[in-house]
N, C-alpha and C. Protein backbone atom coordinates (compact mmCIF):
# COMPACT_ATOMS: atom_id res chain seq x y z
N MET A 1 -3.16 -15.00 11.11
CA MET A 1 -2.50 -13.82 10.34
C MET A 1 -3.08 -12.81 10.25
N LYS A 2 -2.85 -11.53 10.37
CA LYS A 2 -4.05 -10.35 10.50
C LYS A 2 -2.89 -9.65 9.47
N VAL A 3 -3.43 -9.01 8.30
CA VAL A 3 -2.75 -7.94 7.38
C VAL A 3 -3.71 -7.20 6.91
N ILE A 4 -3.33 -5.67 7.14
CA ILE A 4 -4.14 -4.62 6.29
C ILE A 4 -3.18 -4.19 5.20
N ILE A 5 -4.40 -3.95 4.45
CA ILE A 5 -3.99 -3.15 3.08
C ILE A 5 -4.37 -1.68 3.16
N ILE A 6 -3.82 -0.85 3.05
CA ILE A 6 -3.86 0.77 3.53
C ILE A 6 -3.32 1.27 2.19
N ASN A 7 -4.53 2.14 1.17
CA ASN A 7 -4.23 2.86 0.23
C ASN A 7 -4.47 4.25 0.51
N GLY A 8 -3.59 5.16 0.14
CA GLY A 8 -3.92 6.60 0.12
C GLY A 8 -4.72 7.40 -0.90
N PRO A 9 -4.28 8.55 -1.77
CA PRO A 9 -5.00 9.27 -2.16
C PRO A 9 -5.27 8.72 -3.40
N ASN A 10 -6.39 9.24 -4.39
CA ASN A 10 -6.98 8.71 -5.68
C ASN A 10 -6.99 7.31 -5.72
N LEU A 11 -6.57 6.45 -5.06
CA LEU A 11 -6.81 4.88 -5.53
C LEU A 11 -8.13 4.63 -5.13
N ASN A 12 -9.37 5.48 -4.72
CA ASN A 12 -10.23 4.79 -4.46
C ASN A 12 -10.71 4.94 -5.89
N LEU A 13 -9.85 5.45 -7.10
CA LEU A 13 -10.37 5.57 -7.94
C LEU A 13 -10.05 4.81 -8.81
N LEU A 14 -9.25 3.62 -8.55
CA LEU A 14 -8.87 2.39 -9.45
C LEU A 14 -9.97 1.89 -10.32
N GLY A 15 -9.52 1.60 -11.81
CA GLY A 15 -10.78 1.11 -12.38
C GLY A 15 -11.29 2.66 -13.21
N GLN A 16 -11.48 3.20 -13.02
CA GLN A 16 -11.99 4.50 -13.57
C GLN A 16 -10.49 5.98 -13.82
N ARG A 17 -9.60 5.24 -12.92
CA ARG A 17 -8.70 6.89 -12.98
C ARG A 17 -7.26 6.35 -14.03
N GLU A 18 -7.04 7.21 -15.16
CA GLU A 18 -5.77 6.45 -16.01
C GLU A 18 -5.73 5.28 -16.06
N PRO A 19 -6.69 4.04 -16.80
CA PRO A 19 -6.78 3.09 -17.00
C PRO A 19 -5.39 2.69 -17.44
N ASP A 20 -4.72 3.53 -18.86
CA ASP A 20 -3.06 3.21 -19.37
C ASP A 20 -2.33 2.93 -18.13
N VAL A 21 -2.54 3.46 -16.94
CA VAL A 21 -1.57 3.35 -15.93
C VAL A 21 -1.67 2.58 -14.83
N TYR A 22 -2.92 2.75 -14.47
CA TYR A 22 -3.78 1.82 -13.42
C TYR A 22 -4.50 0.74 -13.54
N GLY A 23 -4.93 0.48 -14.88
CA GLY A 23 -5.91 -0.70 -15.34
C GLY A 23 -6.99 -0.15 -15.32
N ASN A 24 -7.96 -1.62 -15.28
CA ASN A 24 -9.40 -1.39 -15.63
C ASN A 24 -10.36 -2.19 -13.95
N THR A 25 -9.36 -2.30 -13.43
CA THR A 25 -10.26 -2.85 -12.03
C THR A 25 -9.80 -2.18 -11.08
N SER A 26 -10.97 -2.38 -9.97
CA SER A 26 -11.35 -1.35 -9.00
C SER A 26 -10.60 -2.46 -8.01
N PHE A 27 -10.73 -1.45 -6.86
CA PHE A 27 -9.53 -2.17 -5.99
C PHE A 27 -10.38 -3.06 -5.19
N GLU A 28 -11.64 -2.86 -4.95
CA GLU A 28 -12.66 -3.33 -4.08
C GLU A 28 -12.91 -5.25 -5.05
N THR A 29 -12.99 -5.05 -6.17
CA THR A 29 -13.15 -6.10 -7.16
C THR A 29 -11.70 -7.01 -7.18
N TYR A 30 -10.35 -6.20 -6.87
CA TYR A 30 -9.00 -7.17 -6.66
C TYR A 30 -9.18 -7.85 -5.36
N LEU A 31 -9.64 -6.93 -4.37
CA LEU A 31 -9.42 -7.41 -3.16
C LEU A 31 -10.59 -8.67 -2.86
N ASN A 32 -11.19 -8.93 -3.86
CA ASN A 32 -11.88 -10.29 -3.55
C ASN A 32 -10.78 -11.30 -4.17
N THR A 33 -10.55 -11.12 -4.93
CA THR A 33 -9.50 -11.83 -5.63
C THR A 33 -8.37 -12.27 -4.35
N LEU A 34 -7.85 -10.93 -3.91
CA LEU A 34 -6.86 -11.40 -2.91
C LEU A 34 -7.58 -12.42 -1.58
N GLN A 35 -8.94 -11.88 -1.63
CA GLN A 35 -9.05 -12.73 -0.05
C GLN A 35 -9.49 -14.43 -0.68
N THR A 36 -9.30 -14.40 -1.92
CA THR A 36 -9.92 -15.62 -2.52
C THR A 36 -8.61 -16.88 -2.44
N ASN A 37 -7.41 -16.16 -3.06
CA ASN A 37 -6.02 -16.41 -2.93
C ASN A 37 -5.26 -16.51 -1.68
N TYR A 38 -5.79 -15.85 -0.63
CA TYR A 38 -5.04 -16.27 1.50
C TYR A 38 -6.08 -16.04 1.94
N PRO A 39 -7.06 -17.25 1.66
CA PRO A 39 -7.69 -17.74 2.91
C PRO A 39 -7.26 -17.48 4.24
N SER A 40 -6.16 -17.78 4.25
CA SER A 40 -5.75 -18.12 6.28
C SER A 40 -5.24 -16.56 6.56
N ILE A 41 -5.19 -15.79 5.58
CA ILE A 41 -4.92 -14.60 5.94
C ILE A 41 -6.23 -13.91 6.60
N ASP A 42 -6.44 -12.85 7.91
CA ASP A 42 -7.33 -12.36 7.93
C ASP A 42 -6.83 -10.91 7.18
N LEU A 43 -7.46 -10.55 5.92
CA LEU A 43 -7.03 -9.41 5.40
C LEU A 43 -7.91 -8.58 5.21
N GLU A 44 -7.65 -7.25 5.99
CA GLU A 44 -8.40 -6.03 6.09
C GLU A 44 -7.99 -4.92 5.16
N TYR A 45 -8.89 -3.99 4.67
CA TYR A 45 -8.66 -2.89 3.63
C TYR A 45 -9.16 -1.83 4.10
N TYR A 46 -8.59 -0.37 4.28
CA TYR A 46 -8.56 0.63 4.10
C TYR A 46 -8.46 1.87 3.51
N GLN A 47 -8.96 3.05 2.88
CA GLN A 47 -8.31 4.16 2.07
C GLN A 47 -8.71 4.95 2.74
N SER A 48 -8.20 6.10 2.20
CA SER A 48 -8.53 7.37 2.71
C SER A 48 -7.35 8.45 1.41
N ASN A 49 -8.16 9.70 1.48
CA ASN A 49 -7.59 10.62 0.62
C ASN A 49 -6.71 11.67 1.60
N ILE A 50 -6.93 11.17 3.01
CA ILE A 50 -6.74 12.18 3.74
C ILE A 50 -5.08 11.72 4.42
N GLU A 51 -4.24 12.78 4.64
CA GLU A 51 -2.93 12.34 4.96
C GLU A 51 -3.10 11.38 6.67
N GLY A 52 -3.77 12.57 7.24
CA GLY A 52 -3.74 11.94 8.82
C GLY A 52 -4.55 11.48 9.26
N GLU A 53 -5.35 10.69 8.69
CA GLU A 53 -6.23 9.84 8.60
C GLU A 53 -5.84 8.15 8.35
N LEU A 54 -4.60 8.40 7.40
CA LEU A 54 -3.78 7.25 6.99
C LEU A 54 -2.79 7.18 8.43
N ILE A 55 -2.14 8.05 8.71
CA ILE A 55 -1.16 8.23 9.84
C ILE A 55 -2.11 7.58 11.09
N ASN A 56 -3.35 8.03 11.59
CA ASN A 56 -4.25 7.72 12.44
C ASN A 56 -4.24 6.06 12.49
N LYS A 57 -4.55 5.40 11.00
CA LYS A 57 -4.82 4.15 11.05
C LYS A 57 -3.45 3.27 11.09
N ILE A 58 -2.39 3.96 10.88
CA ILE A 58 -0.90 3.26 10.56
C ILE A 58 -0.95 2.83 12.31
N HIS A 59 -0.88 3.97 12.89
CA HIS A 59 -1.14 4.16 14.59
C HIS A 59 -1.52 3.42 15.36
N GLU A 60 -3.15 3.01 14.69
CA GLU A 60 -4.18 1.75 15.18
C GLU A 60 -3.95 0.56 15.13
N VAL A 61 -3.14 0.13 13.77
CA VAL A 61 -2.90 -1.43 13.67
C VAL A 61 -1.72 -1.74 13.58
N GLY A 62 -0.61 -0.50 14.28
CA GLY A 62 0.87 -0.59 13.83
C GLY A 62 1.75 -1.67 15.06
N PHE A 63 0.92 -2.21 15.99
CA PHE A 63 1.47 -2.79 17.18
C PHE A 63 0.66 -3.91 17.45
N ASN A 64 -0.47 -4.64 16.57
CA ASN A 64 -0.98 -5.71 16.73
C ASN A 64 -1.20 -6.64 15.58
N TYR A 65 -1.16 -5.87 14.33
CA TYR A 65 -1.28 -6.80 13.13
C TYR A 65 0.24 -7.37 12.48
N ASP A 66 0.45 -8.19 11.34
CA ASP A 66 1.70 -9.14 11.65
C ASP A 66 2.04 -8.42 10.54
N ALA A 67 1.34 -7.44 9.86
CA ALA A 67 1.86 -6.73 8.20
C ALA A 67 0.65 -5.92 7.91
N ILE A 68 1.63 -4.49 7.83
CA ILE A 68 0.79 -3.87 6.54
C ILE A 68 0.96 -3.65 5.07
N VAL A 69 0.55 -3.46 4.43
CA VAL A 69 0.94 -3.56 2.80
C VAL A 69 0.12 -1.91 2.38
N LEU A 70 1.33 -0.90 2.46
CA LEU A 70 0.92 0.76 1.96
C LEU A 70 1.35 1.00 0.74
N ASN A 71 0.40 1.34 0.20
CA ASN A 71 0.39 2.47 -0.92
C ASN A 71 -0.55 3.60 -0.91
N ALA A 72 0.90 4.58 -0.12
CA ALA A 72 0.70 5.73 -0.02
C ALA A 72 0.10 7.01 -0.99
N GLY A 73 0.29 6.43 -2.40
CA GLY A 73 0.19 7.02 -3.80
C GLY A 73 0.86 8.07 -3.58
N ALA A 74 0.59 9.42 -3.58
CA ALA A 74 1.12 10.63 -4.06
C ALA A 74 2.00 10.83 -2.82
N TYR A 75 1.68 10.64 -1.32
CA TYR A 75 2.04 11.27 -0.41
C TYR A 75 3.23 10.22 -0.05
N THR A 76 3.52 9.25 -0.70
CA THR A 76 5.21 8.71 -0.69
C THR A 76 6.01 9.42 -1.23
N HIS A 77 5.97 10.56 -1.89
CA HIS A 77 6.99 11.38 -2.55
C HIS A 77 7.08 12.74 -1.71
N THR A 78 5.86 12.77 -0.54
CA THR A 78 6.03 14.43 0.17
C THR A 78 5.56 14.06 1.38
N SER A 79 5.31 12.81 1.87
CA SER A 79 5.14 12.86 3.56
C SER A 79 6.14 12.38 4.64
N ILE A 80 6.72 13.20 5.12
CA ILE A 80 7.63 12.88 6.12
C ILE A 80 6.93 12.27 7.32
N ALA A 81 5.99 12.98 7.63
CA ALA A 81 4.70 12.63 8.64
C ALA A 81 4.56 10.53 8.70
N ILE A 82 4.02 10.35 7.19
CA ILE A 82 3.65 8.95 7.65
C ILE A 82 5.01 8.32 7.70
N ALA A 83 5.86 8.28 7.02
CA ALA A 83 7.52 7.83 7.21
C ALA A 83 7.69 7.83 9.01
N ASP A 84 7.38 9.16 9.54
CA ASP A 84 7.30 9.24 11.18
C ASP A 84 7.02 8.03 11.79
N ALA A 85 5.62 7.86 10.87
CA ALA A 85 4.46 7.04 11.55
C ALA A 85 4.99 5.43 11.57
N ILE A 86 5.48 5.20 10.34
CA ILE A 86 6.27 3.94 10.00
C ILE A 86 7.22 3.57 10.99
N SER A 87 8.34 4.52 11.15
CA SER A 87 9.00 4.53 12.22
C SER A 87 8.71 4.00 13.66
N ALA A 88 7.46 4.67 13.83
CA ALA A 88 6.81 4.63 15.46
C ALA A 88 6.50 3.51 15.80
N ILE A 89 6.11 2.51 14.69
CA ILE A 89 5.55 1.35 14.89
C ILE A 89 5.99 -0.03 15.06
N THR A 90 5.70 -1.15 15.59
CA THR A 90 6.45 -2.25 15.34
C THR A 90 6.30 -3.39 13.74
N THR A 91 4.85 -3.46 13.63
CA THR A 91 4.49 -3.88 12.64
C THR A 91 5.09 -3.63 11.32
N PRO A 92 5.92 -4.27 10.79
CA PRO A 92 6.57 -4.45 9.68
C PRO A 92 5.92 -4.12 8.25
N VAL A 93 5.87 -3.09 7.29
CA VAL A 93 5.02 -2.28 6.73
C VAL A 93 5.93 -2.76 4.97
N ILE A 94 5.23 -2.98 4.22
CA ILE A 94 5.71 -3.41 2.84
C ILE A 94 4.79 -2.27 2.01
N GLU A 95 5.69 -1.42 1.47
CA GLU A 95 5.14 -0.18 0.82
C GLU A 95 5.31 -0.78 -1.07
N VAL A 96 4.23 -0.24 -1.56
CA VAL A 96 3.40 -1.01 -3.06
C VAL A 96 3.56 0.16 -3.92
N HIS A 97 3.55 0.24 -4.86
CA HIS A 97 2.98 0.99 -6.20
C HIS A 97 2.49 0.16 -7.24
N ILE A 98 1.34 0.61 -8.12
CA ILE A 98 0.73 -0.32 -8.73
C ILE A 98 1.81 -0.20 -10.19
N SER A 99 2.23 1.20 -10.43
CA SER A 99 3.17 1.32 -11.39
C SER A 99 4.53 1.16 -10.99
N ASN A 100 5.61 1.46 -12.23
CA ASN A 100 6.89 1.35 -11.85
C ASN A 100 6.79 2.99 -11.52
N THR A 101 7.43 3.21 -10.21
CA THR A 101 7.41 4.95 -10.19
C THR A 101 8.69 5.31 -10.99
N HIS A 102 9.72 4.50 -11.02
CA HIS A 102 11.22 4.76 -11.58
C HIS A 102 11.13 4.96 -13.07
N ARG A 103 9.85 4.73 -13.91
CA ARG A 103 9.43 5.57 -15.35
C ARG A 103 8.63 6.39 -15.14
N ARG A 104 8.50 7.01 -14.29
CA ARG A 104 7.20 8.23 -14.44
C ARG A 104 7.94 9.17 -14.54
N GLU A 105 7.28 10.14 -13.80
CA GLU A 105 7.89 11.70 -13.49
C GLU A 105 8.97 11.78 -12.17
N GLU A 106 9.64 12.47 -12.76
CA GLU A 106 11.14 12.74 -11.70
C GLU A 106 11.12 12.52 -10.49
N PHE A 107 9.92 13.43 -9.77
CA PHE A 107 9.14 13.36 -8.76
C PHE A 107 8.67 12.17 -7.96
N ARG A 108 8.16 11.12 -9.20
CA ARG A 108 8.17 9.92 -8.44
C ARG A 108 8.65 8.79 -7.85
N LYS A 109 10.10 9.20 -8.20
CA LYS A 109 11.41 8.37 -8.18
C LYS A 109 12.03 8.44 -6.60
N HIS A 110 11.55 9.51 -5.97
CA HIS A 110 11.77 9.21 -4.60
C HIS A 110 10.98 8.98 -3.61
N SER A 111 10.89 8.13 -2.67
CA SER A 111 10.22 7.84 -1.83
C SER A 111 10.86 8.42 -0.21
N TYR A 112 10.03 9.29 0.48
CA TYR A 112 10.36 9.53 1.94
C TYR A 112 9.90 7.97 2.82
N LEU A 113 8.93 6.87 2.06
CA LEU A 113 8.75 5.46 2.77
C LEU A 113 9.64 4.75 2.93
N SER A 114 10.20 4.48 1.71
CA SER A 114 11.14 3.36 1.24
C SER A 114 12.48 2.99 2.33
N PRO A 115 12.67 3.79 3.09
CA PRO A 115 13.80 3.80 3.78
C PRO A 115 13.09 3.06 4.92
N VAL A 116 12.14 3.23 5.79
CA VAL A 116 11.65 3.02 6.85
C VAL A 116 10.80 1.63 6.69
N CYS A 117 10.45 1.04 4.98
CA CYS A 117 9.40 -0.02 5.02
C CYS A 117 10.74 -1.00 4.74
N LYS A 118 9.96 -2.25 5.32
CA LYS A 118 10.47 -3.73 5.02
C LYS A 118 11.32 -4.03 3.66
N GLY A 119 10.24 -3.58 2.92
CA GLY A 119 10.39 -3.67 1.44
C GLY A 119 9.24 -3.33 0.61
N VAL A 120 9.92 -3.01 -0.99
CA VAL A 120 9.41 -2.25 -1.81
C VAL A 120 8.82 -3.15 -3.03
N ILE A 121 7.83 -3.15 -3.70
CA ILE A 121 7.34 -3.87 -4.93
C ILE A 121 6.54 -2.42 -5.18
N LEU A 122 7.13 -2.45 -6.82
CA LEU A 122 6.52 -1.76 -7.72
C LEU A 122 6.58 -2.42 -8.91
N GLY A 123 5.63 -1.92 -9.66
CA GLY A 123 5.66 -2.13 -11.23
C GLY A 123 4.83 -3.00 -11.65
N PHE A 124 4.29 -3.78 -10.75
CA PHE A 124 3.19 -5.31 -11.24
C PHE A 124 2.14 -5.18 -11.62
N GLY A 125 1.31 -3.87 -11.32
CA GLY A 125 -0.18 -3.67 -11.64
C GLY A 125 -0.77 -3.72 -10.15
N LEU A 126 -1.76 -4.08 -10.24
CA LEU A 126 -2.44 -4.70 -8.98
C LEU A 126 -1.88 -6.14 -8.30
N LYS A 127 -1.17 -6.72 -9.41
CA LYS A 127 -0.30 -7.95 -8.84
C LYS A 127 0.56 -7.72 -7.71
N SER A 128 0.71 -6.45 -7.73
CA SER A 128 1.93 -5.95 -7.03
C SER A 128 1.62 -6.17 -5.25
N TYR A 129 0.11 -6.06 -5.38
CA TYR A 129 -0.35 -6.41 -3.58
C TYR A 129 -0.25 -7.58 -3.52
N ASP A 130 -0.45 -8.82 -4.56
CA ASP A 130 -0.33 -10.14 -4.16
C ASP A 130 1.02 -10.26 -3.78
N LEU A 131 2.17 -9.84 -4.40
CA LEU A 131 3.87 -10.25 -4.31
C LEU A 131 3.89 -9.68 -3.12
N ALA A 132 3.22 -8.65 -2.35
CA ALA A 132 3.54 -8.22 -0.76
C ALA A 132 3.14 -9.19 0.00
N ILE A 133 1.41 -9.60 -0.05
CA ILE A 133 1.35 -10.60 0.66
C ILE A 133 1.87 -11.58 0.93
N ALA A 134 2.51 -12.27 -0.62
CA ALA A 134 2.96 -13.69 -0.42
C ALA A 134 4.39 -13.56 -0.08
N SER A 135 5.22 -11.97 0.29
CA SER A 135 6.55 -11.91 0.80
C SER A 135 6.08 -11.82 2.12
N ILE A 136 5.42 -11.44 2.68
CA ILE A 136 4.75 -11.55 3.98
C ILE A 136 4.99 -13.05 4.71
N GLN A 137 4.47 -14.25 3.85
CA GLN A 137 4.53 -15.36 4.35
C GLN A 137 5.68 -15.84 4.54
N LEU A 138 6.79 -15.16 3.89
CA LEU A 138 8.19 -16.06 3.69
C LEU A 138 8.87 -16.22 4.89
């Protein structure tokens, strides 16, 4: 099974950025945990702060991977283009968020991506990624 985690803007700062919201662990550190927890999955990781690069990666993997776990960060609430990219591919996408976006600012309560994703997991910290991967195996 081949799965890619795609993280959007500012998620390269995990472990440093707003630790009260996002925790103290870098994503690279947590990725090692995920790879240990799921040794039978070929787990890849990609991060970009640039919307077009995220779209290009979705296009690149969207027809030959078993799943995409996507945390599009703030683009979740603004990007019709990323939603269109998800609609254009055949690989299922699971939207994840570290924080519970419904308990935050009003603008974070709307996702352009949720309607075109297989499912949404949010609010469980970095464990949200683990839950997304576990759901793929169901």
